[in-house]
C-alpha atoms as a PDB file:
ATOM      1  CA  MET A   1      -4.677 -51.555  49.211  1.00  0.00           C
ATOM      2  CA  ASN A   2      -0.873 -51.729  49.363  1.00  0.00           C
ATOM      3  CA  GLU A   3      -0.607 -48.215  47.952  1.00  0.00           C
ATOM      4  CA  LEU A   4       2.304 -47.558  50.314  1.00  0.00           C
ATOM      5  CA  ALA A   5       3.832 -51.035  50.332  1.00  0.00           C
ATOM      6  CA  ASP A   6       7.541 -51.028  51.226  1.00  0.00           C
ATOM      7  CA  ARG A   7       7.363 -47.450  52.562  1.00  0.00           C
ATOM      8  CA  THR A   8       8.079 -46.478  56.140  1.00  0.00           C
ATOM      9  CA  VAL A   9       6.265 -43.446  57.510  1.00  0.00           C
ATOM     10  CA  LEU A  10       7.134 -41.577  60.708  1.00  0.00           C
ATOM     11  CA  VAL A  11       4.145 -39.723  62.180  1.00  0.00           C
ATOM     12  CA  THR A  12       4.633 -37.353  65.107  1.00  0.00           C
ATOM     13  CA  GLY A  13       1.819 -36.781  67.572  1.00  0.00           C
ATOM     14  CA  ALA A  14       0.144 -40.062  66.644  1.00  0.00           C
ATOM     15  CA  SER A  15      -1.887 -40.761  69.775  1.00  0.00           C
ATOM     16  CA  ALA A  16      -4.843 -38.418  69.161  1.00  0.00           C
ATOM     17  CA  GLY A  17      -6.546 -36.038  66.752  1.00  0.00           C
ATOM     18  CA  ILE A  18      -5.140 -35.658  63.253  1.00  0.00           C
ATOM     19  CA  GLY A  19      -2.084 -37.792  63.985  1.00  0.00           C
ATOM     20  CA  ARG A  20      -4.163 -40.745  65.122  1.00  0.00           C
ATOM     21  CA  ALA A  21      -6.412 -40.439  62.062  1.00  0.00           C
ATOM     22  CA  ILE A  22      -3.326 -40.456  59.822  1.00  0.00           C
ATOM     23  CA  VAL A  23      -1.917 -43.591  61.411  1.00  0.00           C
ATOM     24  CA  GLU A  24      -5.265 -45.374  61.221  1.00  0.00           C
ATOM     25  CA  ARG A  25      -5.595 -44.432  57.535  1.00  0.00           C
ATOM     26  CA  LEU A  26      -2.174 -45.898  56.790  1.00  0.00           C
ATOM     27  CA  ALA A  27      -2.990 -49.299  58.323  1.00  0.00           C
ATOM     28  CA  PRO A  28      -4.431 -50.891  55.135  1.00  0.00           C
ATOM     29  CA  THR A  29      -1.879 -49.330  52.771  1.00  0.00           C
ATOM     30  CA  GLY A  30       0.984 -51.751  53.317  1.00  0.00           C
ATOM     31  CA  ALA A  31       3.133 -49.071  54.946  1.00  0.00           C
ATOM     32  CA  ARG A  32       5.236 -49.580  58.011  1.00  0.00           C
ATOM     33  CA  VAL A  33       4.574 -46.845  60.551  1.00  0.00           C
ATOM     34  CA  ILE A  34       6.572 -45.322  63.376  1.00  0.00           C
ATOM     35  CA  ALA A  35       4.004 -43.712  65.680  1.00  0.00           C
ATOM     36  CA  HIS A  36       5.387 -41.044  67.977  1.00  0.00           C
ATOM     37  CA  TYR A  37       3.675 -40.034  71.200  1.00  0.00           C
ATOM     38  CA  ARG A  38       4.597 -38.022  74.259  1.00  0.00           C
ATOM     39  CA  SER A  39       2.278 -39.083  77.083  1.00  0.00           C
ATOM     40  CA  SER A  40      -0.507 -41.329  75.770  1.00  0.00           C
ATOM     41  CA  ALA A  41       0.937 -44.748  75.016  1.00  0.00           C
ATOM     42  CA  ASP A  42      -2.610 -46.134  75.075  1.00  0.00           C
ATOM     43  CA  GLY A  43      -3.667 -43.712  72.341  1.00  0.00           C
ATOM     44  CA  ALA A  44      -0.697 -44.635  70.176  1.00  0.00           C
ATOM     45  CA  ARG A  45      -1.352 -48.345  70.676  1.00  0.00           C
ATOM     46  CA  ALA A  46      -4.994 -47.867  69.726  1.00  0.00           C
ATOM     47  CA  ALA A  47      -3.979 -45.928  66.600  1.00  0.00           C
ATOM     48  CA  THR A  48      -1.732 -48.780  65.442  1.00  0.00           C
ATOM     49  CA  ALA A  49      -4.106 -51.600  66.355  1.00  0.00           C
ATOM     50  CA  GLY A  50      -5.004 -52.238  62.712  1.00  0.00           C
ATOM     51  CA  PHE A  51      -1.435 -52.946  61.575  1.00  0.00           C
ATOM     52  CA  PRO A  52      -0.128 -56.474  61.047  1.00  0.00           C
ATOM     53  CA  ALA A  53       2.476 -57.673  63.527  1.00  0.00           C
ATOM     54  CA  GLY A  54       5.844 -56.022  62.999  1.00  0.00           C
ATOM     55  CA  MET A  55       4.476 -53.234  60.811  1.00  0.00           C
ATOM     56  CA  ALA A  56       4.063 -50.562  63.489  1.00  0.00           C
ATOM     57  CA  HIS A  57       6.470 -49.287  66.109  1.00  0.00           C
ATOM     58  CA  LEU A  58       5.766 -46.873  68.965  1.00  0.00           C
ATOM     59  CA  VAL A  59       8.318 -44.281  70.037  1.00  0.00           C
ATOM     60  CA  ARG A  60       7.952 -42.014  73.035  1.00  0.00           C
ATOM     61  CA  ALA A  61       9.687 -38.639  72.887  1.00  0.00           C
ATOM     62  CA  ASP A  62       9.085 -35.284  74.534  1.00  0.00           C
ATOM     63  CA  LEU A  63       9.319 -32.637  71.828  1.00  0.00           C
ATOM     64  CA  SER A  64       9.056 -29.909  74.460  1.00  0.00           C
ATOM     65  CA  SER A  65      12.569 -30.917  75.509  1.00  0.00           C
ATOM     66  CA  PRO A  66      15.492 -29.530  73.476  1.00  0.00           C
ATOM     67  CA  ALA A  67      16.821 -33.063  73.026  1.00  0.00           C
ATOM     68  CA  GLY A  68      13.453 -34.665  72.263  1.00  0.00           C
ATOM     69  CA  ALA A  69      13.432 -34.456  68.465  1.00  0.00           C
ATOM     70  CA  ALA A  70      16.945 -35.845  68.117  1.00  0.00           C
ATOM     71  CA  GLU A  71      16.057 -38.677  70.494  1.00  0.00           C
ATOM     72  CA  LEU A  72      12.940 -39.428  68.440  1.00  0.00           C
ATOM     73  CA  TRP A  73      14.938 -39.614  65.223  1.00  0.00           C
ATOM     74  CA  GLN A  74      17.564 -41.847  66.815  1.00  0.00           C
ATOM     75  CA  ALA A  75      14.912 -44.243  68.108  1.00  0.00           C
ATOM     76  CA  ALA A  76      13.113 -44.295  64.761  1.00  0.00           C
ATOM     77  CA  THR A  77      16.232 -45.078  62.755  1.00  0.00           C
ATOM     78  CA  ALA A  78      17.269 -47.709  65.293  1.00  0.00           C
ATOM     79  CA  TRP A  79      14.095 -49.617  64.391  1.00  0.00           C
ATOM     80  CA  THR A  80      14.545 -49.313  60.637  1.00  0.00           C
ATOM     81  CA  ASP A  81      17.373 -48.288  58.358  1.00  0.00           C
ATOM     82  CA  ARG A  82      15.037 -46.524  55.939  1.00  0.00           C
ATOM     83  CA  ILE A  83      12.372 -43.880  56.504  1.00  0.00           C
ATOM     84  CA  ASP A  84      10.582 -42.735  53.365  1.00  0.00           C
ATOM     85  CA  VAL A  85       8.072 -40.191  54.690  1.00  0.00           C
ATOM     86  CA  VAL A  86       8.097 -37.915  57.729  1.00  0.00           C
ATOM     87  CA  VAL A  87       4.762 -36.423  58.802  1.00  0.00           C
ATOM     88  CA  LEU A  88       5.291 -33.450  61.115  1.00  0.00           C
ATOM     89  CA  ASN A  89       2.006 -33.323  62.957  1.00  0.00           C
ATOM     90  CA  ALA A  90       2.757 -32.879  66.678  1.00  0.00           C
ATOM     91  CA  ALA A  91       1.962 -29.376  67.915  1.00  0.00           C
ATOM     92  CA  VAL A  92       0.867 -27.363  70.914  1.00  0.00           C
ATOM     93  CA  MET A  93      -1.376 -24.315  71.119  1.00  0.00           C
ATOM     94  CA  PRO A  94      -0.383 -22.289  74.178  1.00  0.00           C
ATOM     95  CA  LYS A  95      -2.414 -19.166  74.840  1.00  0.00           C
ATOM     96  CA  ALA A  96      -1.081 -15.836  76.040  1.00  0.00           C
ATOM     97  CA  GLU A  97      -2.667 -12.418  75.754  1.00  0.00           C
ATOM     98  CA  LEU A  98      -0.402  -9.714  74.385  1.00  0.00           C
ATOM     99  CA  ASP A  99      -0.716  -7.845  77.678  1.00  0.00           C
ATOM    100  CA  ALA A 100      -0.016 -10.926  79.800  1.00  0.00           C
ATOM    101  CA  PRO A 101       2.770 -10.708  82.389  1.00  0.00           C
ATOM    102  CA  ASP A 102       6.178 -11.227  80.824  1.00  0.00           C
ATOM    103  CA  ASP A 103       6.706 -14.596  82.467  1.00  0.00           C
ATOM    104  CA  VAL A 104       3.387 -15.909  81.111  1.00  0.00           C
ATOM    105  CA  TRP A 105       4.090 -14.585  77.628  1.00  0.00           C
ATOM    106  CA  ASP A 106       7.652 -15.925  77.601  1.00  0.00           C
ATOM    107  CA  ALA A 107       6.536 -19.375  78.767  1.00  0.00           C
ATOM    108  CA  ALA A 108       3.930 -19.602  75.988  1.00  0.00           C
ATOM    109  CA  LEU A 109       6.405 -18.373  73.387  1.00  0.00           C
ATOM    110  CA  ASP A 110       9.099 -20.806  74.498  1.00  0.00           C
ATOM    111  CA  GLU A 111       6.678 -23.748  74.421  1.00  0.00           C
ATOM    112  CA  ALA A 112       5.307 -22.900  70.973  1.00  0.00           C
ATOM    113  CA  LEU A 113       8.730 -22.330  69.455  1.00  0.00           C
ATOM    114  CA  GLN A 114      10.199 -25.468  71.011  1.00  0.00           C
ATOM    115  CA  VAL A 115       7.457 -27.902  69.993  1.00  0.00           C
ATOM    116  CA  ASN A 116       6.112 -26.306  66.812  1.00  0.00           C
ATOM    117  CA  THR A 117       9.332 -24.878  65.402  1.00  0.00           C
ATOM    118  CA  ARG A 118      12.634 -26.015  66.896  1.00  0.00           C
ATOM    119  CA  SER A 119      11.740 -29.687  67.216  1.00  0.00           C
ATOM    120  CA  GLN A 120      10.263 -29.709  63.712  1.00  0.00           C
ATOM    121  CA  LEU A 121      13.368 -28.127  62.214  1.00  0.00           C
ATOM    122  CA  THR A 122      15.548 -30.680  63.979  1.00  0.00           C
ATOM    123  CA  LEU A 123      13.488 -33.447  62.404  1.00  0.00           C
ATOM    124  CA  LEU A 124      13.650 -31.666  59.044  1.00  0.00           C
ATOM    125  CA  ARG A 125      17.444 -31.606  59.183  1.00  0.00           C
ATOM    126  CA  ARG A 126      17.669 -35.264  60.124  1.00  0.00           C
ATOM    127  CA  ALA A 127      15.134 -36.253  57.483  1.00  0.00           C
ATOM    128  CA  VAL A 128      16.798 -34.339  54.656  1.00  0.00           C
ATOM    129  CA  ALA A 129      20.206 -35.825  55.414  1.00  0.00           C
ATOM    130  CA  HIS A 130      18.636 -39.287  55.567  1.00  0.00           C
ATOM    131  CA  PHE A 131      16.746 -38.789  52.296  1.00  0.00           C
ATOM    132  CA  LEU A 132      19.818 -37.545  50.449  1.00  0.00           C
ATOM    133  CA  ASP A 133      21.716 -40.672  51.476  1.00  0.00           C
ATOM    134  CA  ALA A 134      18.780 -42.921  50.607  1.00  0.00           C
ATOM    135  CA  GLY A 135      17.951 -41.404  47.219  1.00  0.00           C
ATOM    136  CA  GLY A 136      14.895 -39.391  48.216  1.00  0.00           C
ATOM    137  CA  GLY A 137      11.929 -39.057  50.502  1.00  0.00           C
ATOM    138  CA  SER A 138       9.004 -36.851  51.456  1.00  0.00           C
ATOM    139  CA  ILE A 139       8.088 -34.488  54.266  1.00  0.00           C
ATOM    140  CA  VAL A 140       4.474 -33.625  55.004  1.00  0.00           C
ATOM    141  CA  GLY A 141       4.073 -30.701  57.386  1.00  0.00           C
ATOM    142  CA  LEU A 142       0.777 -30.091  59.168  1.00  0.00           C
ATOM    143  CA  SER A 143       0.600 -26.317  59.246  1.00  0.00           C
ATOM    144  CA  SER A 144      -2.443 -24.143  59.945  1.00  0.00           C
ATOM    145  CA  TRP A 145      -4.424 -21.443  58.272  1.00  0.00           C
ATOM    146  CA  ALA A 146      -3.209 -19.302  61.176  1.00  0.00           C
ATOM    147  CA  ALA A 147       0.241 -19.392  59.555  1.00  0.00           C
ATOM    148  CA  GLN A 148      -1.265 -17.883  56.393  1.00  0.00           C
ATOM    149  CA  ARG A 149      -3.887 -15.436  57.616  1.00  0.00           C
ATOM    150  CA  GLY A 150      -3.073 -15.037  61.323  1.00  0.00           C
ATOM    151  CA  ALA A 151      -4.990 -16.538  64.220  1.00  0.00           C
ATOM    152  CA  GLY A 152      -8.572 -15.553  64.920  1.00  0.00           C
ATOM    153  CA  ASN A 153      -7.705 -14.560  68.478  1.00  0.00           C
ATOM    154  CA  ALA A 154      -4.766 -12.447  69.628  1.00  0.00           C
ATOM    155  CA  ASN A 155      -4.047 -14.896  72.456  1.00  0.00           C
ATOM    156  CA  LEU A 156      -2.840 -17.354  69.801  1.00  0.00           C
ATOM    157  CA  ALA A 157      -0.194 -15.048  68.339  1.00  0.00           C
ATOM    158  CA  VAL A 158       2.695 -17.255  69.475  1.00  0.00           C
ATOM    159  CA  TYR A 159       1.012 -20.329  67.958  1.00  0.00           C
ATOM    160  CA  ALA A 160       0.521 -18.608  64.598  1.00  0.00           C
ATOM    161  CA  ALA A 161       4.089 -17.317  64.570  1.00  0.00           C
ATOM    162  CA  SER A 162       5.563 -20.730  65.388  1.00  0.00           C
ATOM    163  CA  LYS A 163       3.552 -22.391  62.637  1.00  0.00           C
ATOM    164  CA  ALA A 164       4.564 -19.744  60.086  1.00  0.00           C
ATOM    165  CA  ALA A 165       8.256 -20.252  60.847  1.00  0.00           C
ATOM    166  CA  THR A 166       8.051 -23.988  60.245  1.00  0.00           C
ATOM    167  CA  ALA A 167       6.035 -23.459  57.073  1.00  0.00           C
ATOM    168  CA  ALA A 168       8.793 -21.233  55.689  1.00  0.00           C
ATOM    169  CA  ALA A 169      11.414 -23.884  56.459  1.00  0.00           C
ATOM    170  CA  ILE A 170       9.419 -26.624  54.709  1.00  0.00           C
ATOM    171  CA  LYS A 171       8.962 -24.462  51.616  1.00  0.00           C
ATOM    172  CA  THR A 172      12.704 -23.818  51.603  1.00  0.00           C
ATOM    173  CA  ILE A 173      13.425 -27.552  51.703  1.00  0.00           C
ATOM    174  CA  ALA A 174      11.076 -28.110  48.766  1.00  0.00           C
ATOM    175  CA  ARG A 175      12.884 -25.525  46.649  1.00  0.00           C
ATOM    176  CA  ALA A 176      16.421 -26.419  47.646  1.00  0.00           C
ATOM    177  CA  TYR A 177      16.236 -30.165  47.045  1.00  0.00           C
ATOM    178  CA  ALA A 178      13.701 -30.477  44.232  1.00  0.00           C
ATOM    179  CA  THR A 179      16.252 -32.034  41.857  1.00  0.00           C
ATOM    180  CA  ARG A 180      17.356 -34.587  44.440  1.00  0.00           C
ATOM    181  CA  SER A 181      14.037 -36.377  44.933  1.00  0.00           C
ATOM    182  CA  VAL A 182      13.321 -34.721  48.275  1.00  0.00           C
ATOM    183  CA  TYR A 183       9.746 -33.476  48.321  1.00  0.00           C
ATOM    184  CA  ALA A 184       8.051 -31.318  50.933  1.00  0.00           C
ATOM    185  CA  TYR A 185       4.371 -30.460  51.275  1.00  0.00           C
ATOM    186  CA  LEU A 186       2.309 -28.303  53.606  1.00  0.00           C
ATOM    187  CA  ILE A 187      -1.250 -29.019  54.635  1.00  0.00           C
ATOM    188  CA  ALA A 188      -2.880 -25.946  56.163  1.00  0.00           C
ATOM    189  CA  PRO A 189      -6.096 -27.017  57.900  1.00  0.00           C
ATOM    190  CA  GLY A 190      -8.692 -24.606  59.134  1.00  0.00           C
ATOM    191  CA  VAL A 191     -10.759 -25.769  62.090  1.00  0.00           C
ATOM    192  CA  VAL A 192     -10.385 -29.534  62.453  1.00  0.00           C
ATOM    193  CA  ASP A 193     -12.678 -31.450  64.792  1.00  0.00           C
ATOM    194  CA  THR A 194     -10.087 -32.130  67.513  1.00  0.00           C
ATOM    195  CA  GLN A 195      -9.543 -31.228  71.145  1.00  0.00           C
ATOM    196  CA  MET A 196      -7.159 -28.452  70.089  1.00  0.00           C
ATOM    197  CA  SER A 197      -9.904 -26.775  68.071  1.00  0.00           C
ATOM    198  CA  ALA A 198     -12.314 -27.195  70.965  1.00  0.00           C
ATOM    199  CA  SER A 199      -9.889 -25.249  73.121  1.00  0.00           C
ATOM    200  CA  ALA A 200      -9.663 -22.475  70.546  1.00  0.00           C
ATOM    201  CA  GLY A 201     -13.446 -22.401  70.142  1.00  0.00           C
ATOM    202  CA  ALA A 202     -13.976 -21.964  73.864  1.00  0.00           C
ATOM    203  CA  ASP A 203     -12.532 -18.455  73.515  1.00  0.00           C
ATOM    204  CA  ARG A 204     -14.935 -17.611  70.713  1.00  0.00           C
ATOM    205  CA  GLY A 205     -18.291 -18.355  72.322  1.00  0.00           C
ATOM    206  CA  GLY A 206     -18.235 -22.146  72.382  1.00  0.00           C
ATOM    207  CA  ARG A 207     -18.681 -24.799  69.700  1.00  0.00           C
ATOM    208  CA  ASP A 208     -21.985 -23.614  68.211  1.00  0.00           C
ATOM    209  CA  ALA A 209     -20.854 -20.008  67.949  1.00  0.00           C
ATOM    210  CA  PHE A 210     -17.551 -21.154  66.459  1.00  0.00           C
ATOM    211  CA  LEU A 211     -19.339 -23.224  63.815  1.00  0.00           C
ATOM    212  CA  GLN A 212     -21.312 -20.180  62.726  1.00  0.00           C
ATOM    213  CA  THR A 213     -18.043 -18.562  61.594  1.00  0.00           C
ATOM    214  CA  LEU A 214     -17.361 -21.429  59.144  1.00  0.00           C
ATOM    215  CA  ALA A 215     -18.734 -21.495  55.604  1.00  0.00           C
ATOM    216  CA  MET A 216     -19.934 -25.100  55.852  1.00  0.00           C
ATOM    217  CA  ARG A 217     -20.998 -24.676  59.473  1.00  0.00           C
ATOM    218  CA  GLU A 218     -18.899 -27.718  60.339  1.00  0.00           C
ATOM    219  CA  MET A 219     -15.318 -28.541  61.265  1.00  0.00           C
ATOM    220  CA  VAL A 220     -13.002 -30.480  58.999  1.00  0.00           C
ATOM    221  CA  PRO A 221     -13.094 -34.205  59.869  1.00  0.00           C
ATOM    222  CA  PRO A 222      -9.602 -35.495  60.761  1.00  0.00           C
ATOM    223  CA  ASP A 223     -10.174 -38.358  58.310  1.00  0.00           C
ATOM    224  CA  GLU A 224     -10.082 -35.917  55.398  1.00  0.00           C
ATOM    225  CA  ILE A 225      -6.657 -34.682  56.455  1.00  0.00           C
ATOM    226  CA  ALA A 226      -5.509 -38.296  56.820  1.00  0.00           C
ATOM    227  CA  GLU A 227      -6.694 -39.110  53.303  1.00  0.00           C
ATOM    228  CA  LEU A 228      -4.644 -36.244  51.906  1.00  0.00           C
ATOM    229  CA  VAL A 229      -1.547 -37.329  53.848  1.00  0.00           C
ATOM    230  CA  ALA A 230      -1.860 -40.839  52.431  1.00  0.00           C
ATOM    231  CA  LEU A 231      -1.977 -39.410  48.912  1.00  0.00           C
ATOM    232  CA  LEU A 232       1.076 -37.215  49.430  1.00  0.00           C
ATOM    233  CA  ALA A 233       2.978 -40.074  51.070  1.00  0.00           C
ATOM    234  CA  SER A 234       2.306 -42.337  48.075  1.00  0.00           C
ATOM    235  CA  GLY A 235       4.721 -40.465  45.801  1.00  0.00           C
ATOM    236  CA  ARG A 236       2.059 -40.001  43.127  1.00  0.00           C
ATOM    237  CA  THR A 237       1.956 -36.206  43.476  1.00  0.00           C
ATOM    238  CA  ARG A 238       5.608 -35.134  43.205  1.00  0.00           C
ATOM    239  CA  HIS A 239       4.778 -31.857  41.481  1.00  0.00           C
ATOM    240  CA  LEU A 240       2.775 -30.705  44.465  1.00  0.00           C
ATOM    241  CA  SER A 241       6.093 -30.370  46.276  1.00  0.00           C
ATOM    242  CA  GLY A 242       6.305 -26.899  47.812  1.00  0.00           C
ATOM    243  CA  ALA A 243       2.542 -26.444  47.741  1.00  0.00           C
ATOM    244  CA  THR A 244       0.418 -25.309  50.650  1.00  0.00           C
ATOM    245  CA  ILE A 245      -2.863 -27.186  50.494  1.00  0.00           C
ATOM    246  CA  ASP A 246      -5.723 -25.392  52.238  1.00  0.00           C
ATOM    247  CA  VAL A 247      -8.331 -27.617  53.891  1.00  0.00           C
ATOM    248  CA  ASN A 248     -10.946 -25.417  55.529  1.00  0.00           C
ATOM    249  CA  GLY A 249     -14.339 -25.996  53.931  1.00  0.00           C
ATOM    250  CA  ALA A 250     -14.288 -22.752  51.884  1.00  0.00           C
ATOM    251  CA  SER A 251     -13.896 -20.597  54.991  1.00  0.00           C
ATOM    252  CA  TYR A 252     -10.605 -19.118  53.776  1.00  0.00           C
ATOM    253  CA  ILE A 253     -10.080 -18.875  50.036  1.00  0.00           C
ATOM    254  CA  ARG A 254      -6.900 -17.399  48.628  1.00  0.00           C
END
């Protein structure tokens, strides 16, 4: 209890899946949370239901818009003058076969790069500047094993590429600002039990067939990712800065 007292955490994509699990995990920690959502205000409200009055704030922003990330940061810092941790969780997984028509391929590429890369790098820039002024802070990026090993299906090439680009930027931040109390971590989940994974599994024979490809024959529970985020946000693991933490149930061991 109170492990994150006096810390403010911004979580993107907080209305469902991993993001919602993260916000719910932070409720008993004493943290103040800014929960970002794009379309599901109800999901974001449900995620923050366990927070005391005044300890959670909802912000709507469309990260698929070029201005969305900057608008999110402006709204977040209008609510509080100090953000200690930024959790970059929001992502999309557009599908496009390599031989798809150019307009289909370009649309998928643009969406993946805008939401998974450009918006994240905008938030990275804002966060780093904020942390340097404030004396430090942490960034937790939700990556993917697809950024490390490639996606399991060629129709997710743009997703894997967008995730890899953001991962490289987060690692760069960790190295560049290590002496200035700015820490950056990557969590690289395998198959997490979310709607996004269900969509990916549909292309690989359905849920049961997908599970047979995993060493534990089960998906990673979102709660396990949330537990790890809470640890990294606590400031107790500074020397993990720059690390990529694989969470995939022994299905991909490096």
